[in-house]
C-alpha atoms as a PDB file:
ATOM      1  CA  MET A   1       0.038  -0.006   0.025  1.00  0.00           C
ATOM      2  CA  GLU A   2       1.301   3.419  -0.909  1.00  0.00           C
ATOM      3  CA  MET A   3       0.596   6.380   1.492  1.00  0.00           C
ATOM      4  CA  PRO A   4      -1.351   9.182   0.022  1.00  0.00           C
ATOM      5  CA  VAL A   5       0.485  12.406  -0.878  1.00  0.00           C
ATOM      6  CA  VAL A   6      -0.416  15.746   0.656  1.00  0.00           C
ATOM      7  CA  THR A   7      -0.843  17.695  -2.473  1.00  0.00           C
ATOM      8  CA  THR A   8      -1.256  21.193  -0.822  1.00  0.00           C
ATOM      9  CA  CYS A   9      -1.143  22.533   2.672  1.00  0.00           C
ATOM     10  CA  GLU A  10      -2.614  26.093   3.146  1.00  0.00           C
ATOM     11  CA  VAL A  11      -1.605  26.184   6.693  1.00  0.00           C
ATOM     12  CA  ASP A  12       1.520  28.345   6.417  1.00  0.00           C
ATOM     13  CA  THR A  13       2.067  28.677  10.133  1.00  0.00           C
ATOM     14  CA  CYS A  14       2.999  24.982  10.402  1.00  0.00           C
ATOM     15  CA  SER A  15       6.660  24.445  10.682  1.00  0.00           C
ATOM     16  CA  TYR A  16       6.467  21.650   8.014  1.00  0.00           C
ATOM     17  CA  ASN A  17       4.875  23.999   5.495  1.00  0.00           C
ATOM     18  CA  ARG A  18       7.124  25.465   2.879  1.00  0.00           C
ATOM     19  CA  ASP A  19       5.501  27.309  -0.183  1.00  0.00           C
ATOM     20  CA  ARG A  20       2.023  25.635   0.429  1.00  0.00           C
ATOM     21  CA  GLY A  21       3.656  22.153   0.618  1.00  0.00           C
ATOM     22  CA  CYS A  22       3.958  19.687   3.448  1.00  0.00           C
ATOM     23  CA  HIS A  23       7.468  18.494   4.038  1.00  0.00           C
ATOM     24  CA  ALA A  24       6.947  16.149   6.960  1.00  0.00           C
ATOM     25  CA  LEU A  25       7.719  12.669   5.821  1.00  0.00           C
ATOM     26  CA  ALA A  26       4.381  11.408   7.072  1.00  0.00           C
ATOM     27  CA  ILE A  27       1.440  13.044   8.948  1.00  0.00           C
ATOM     28  CA  THR A  28      -1.367  11.709  11.246  1.00  0.00           C
ATOM     29  CA  ILE A  29      -4.899  12.941  10.647  1.00  0.00           C
ATOM     30  CA  GLY A  30      -7.580  13.194  13.268  1.00  0.00           C
ATOM     31  CA  ASP A  31      -8.733  12.195  16.586  1.00  0.00           C
ATOM     32  CA  PRO A  32     -12.187  10.386  16.902  1.00  0.00           C
ATOM     33  CA  LEU A  33     -14.052  13.659  16.693  1.00  0.00           C
ATOM     34  CA  HIS A  34     -12.144  15.931  14.341  1.00  0.00           C
ATOM     35  CA  ALA A  35     -10.199  15.552  11.087  1.00  0.00           C
ATOM     36  CA  HIS A  36      -7.293  17.791  12.013  1.00  0.00           C
ATOM     37  CA  CYS A  37      -3.740  17.418  11.072  1.00  0.00           C
ATOM     38  CA  ASP A  38      -2.164  15.878  14.262  1.00  0.00           C
ATOM     39  CA  THR A  39       1.262  16.578  12.914  1.00  0.00           C
ATOM     40  CA  PHE A  40       0.698  20.421  12.784  1.00  0.00           C
ATOM     41  CA  PHE A  41       3.458  22.130  14.706  1.00  0.00           C
ATOM     42  CA  HIS A  42       4.144  25.881  15.097  1.00  0.00           C
ATOM     43  CA  ALA A  43       7.680  26.994  15.805  1.00  0.00           C
ATOM     44  CA  SER A  44       9.958  29.897  14.725  1.00  0.00           C
ATOM     45  CA  PHE A  45      11.825  27.537  12.444  1.00  0.00           C
ATOM     46  CA  LYS A  46      10.997  25.194   9.582  1.00  0.00           C
ATOM     47  CA  GLY A  47      11.397  21.431   9.831  1.00  0.00           C
ATOM     48  CA  GLY A  48      10.889  18.411   7.624  1.00  0.00           C
ATOM     49  CA  ASP A  49      12.778  17.457   4.580  1.00  0.00           C
ATOM     50  CA  PRO A  50      12.651  20.366   2.083  1.00  0.00           C
ATOM     51  CA  ALA A  51      13.103  17.885  -0.891  1.00  0.00           C
ATOM     52  CA  ALA A  52      10.399  15.543   0.468  1.00  0.00           C
ATOM     53  CA  VAL A  53       6.569  15.622  -0.205  1.00  0.00           C
ATOM     54  CA  GLY A  54       4.383  14.808   2.719  1.00  0.00           C
ATOM     55  CA  HIS A  55       2.293  11.801   2.919  1.00  0.00           C
ATOM     56  CA  VAL A  56      -0.508  10.465   5.191  1.00  0.00           C
ATOM     57  CA  GLY A  57       0.970   7.846   7.550  1.00  0.00           C
ATOM     58  CA  ALA A  58      -2.263   7.261   9.675  1.00  0.00           C
ATOM     59  CA  CYS A  59      -5.797   8.343   9.899  1.00  0.00           C
ATOM     60  CA  LYS A  60      -7.774   8.126  13.134  1.00  0.00           C
ATOM     61  CA  MET A  61     -11.073   9.177  11.405  1.00  0.00           C
ATOM     62  CA  SER A  62     -12.832   5.767  11.316  1.00  0.00           C
ATOM     63  CA  ASP A  63     -16.038   7.445   9.896  1.00  0.00           C
ATOM     64  CA  CYS A  64     -14.266   8.675   6.786  1.00  0.00           C
ATOM     65  CA  ARG A  65     -14.992   6.886   3.467  1.00  0.00           C
ATOM     66  CA  TYR A  66     -11.355   6.769   2.665  1.00  0.00           C
ATOM     67  CA  ASN A  67     -10.287   5.206   5.908  1.00  0.00           C
ATOM     68  CA  VAL A  68      -9.636   1.415   5.822  1.00  0.00           C
ATOM     69  CA  ASP A  69      -8.233  -0.140   9.050  1.00  0.00           C
ATOM     70  CA  LEU A  70      -7.101   3.341  10.122  1.00  0.00           C
ATOM     71  CA  GLU A  71      -5.103   3.812   6.920  1.00  0.00           C
ATOM     72  CA  CYS A  72      -6.115   6.491   4.427  1.00  0.00           C
ATOM     73  CA  GLN A  73      -6.982   5.134   0.920  1.00  0.00           C
ATOM     74  CA  ALA A  74      -7.552   8.471  -0.765  1.00  0.00           C
ATOM     75  CA  PRO A  75      -5.306   9.011  -3.821  1.00  0.00           C
ATOM     76  CA  ALA A  76      -4.204  12.316  -2.185  1.00  0.00           C
ATOM     77  CA  ILE A  77      -5.307  14.907   0.414  1.00  0.00           C
ATOM     78  CA  GLU A  78      -5.359  18.512   0.928  1.00  0.00           C
ATOM     79  CA  VAL A  79      -4.811  20.255   4.243  1.00  0.00           C
ATOM     80  CA  GLY A  80      -6.175  23.715   4.959  1.00  0.00           C
ATOM     81  CA  HIS A  81      -8.096  25.822   7.487  1.00  0.00           C
ATOM     82  CA  ARG A  82     -11.470  24.660   8.736  1.00  0.00           C
ATOM     83  CA  GLN A  83     -12.751  25.504  12.223  1.00  0.00           C
ATOM     84  CA  ASP A  84      -9.547  27.583  12.990  1.00  0.00           C
ATOM     85  CA  ASP A  85      -7.521  24.386  12.724  1.00  0.00           C
ATOM     86  CA  ALA A  86      -5.208  22.657  10.328  1.00  0.00           C
ATOM     87  CA  ASP A  87      -7.752  20.124   8.877  1.00  0.00           C
ATOM     88  CA  CYS A  88      -7.951  17.421   6.259  1.00  0.00           C
ATOM     89  CA  LEU A  89     -10.103  18.987   3.582  1.00  0.00           C
ATOM     90  CA  THR A  90     -10.456  15.523   1.852  1.00  0.00           C
ATOM     91  CA  TYR A  91     -12.214  14.068   4.898  1.00  0.00           C
ATOM     92  CA  ALA A  92     -15.570  12.664   3.802  1.00  0.00           C
ATOM     93  CA  PRO A  93     -17.828  11.227   6.411  1.00  0.00           C
ATOM     94  CA  LEU A  94     -19.724   7.836   5.553  1.00  0.00           C
END
């Protein structure tokens, strides 16, 4: 199984965000109630691998139609602002 790519991230305050791209090697999405990016981290410096594109490593949103055994099966996801949070905009409840 291949991990889905984070095609865009609009949350420029995240330390893994450079030029609207996620550069964490893998992110985790959600808790049982909200599809936020659990990997979001704000610091005065940038982290991650600038040459890498972020992927979804795990998803805790068991009610998402793309979730199979807590793994994201979407071809790709987008992260952006929803409810003043860094959220998976691809999240689609069953």
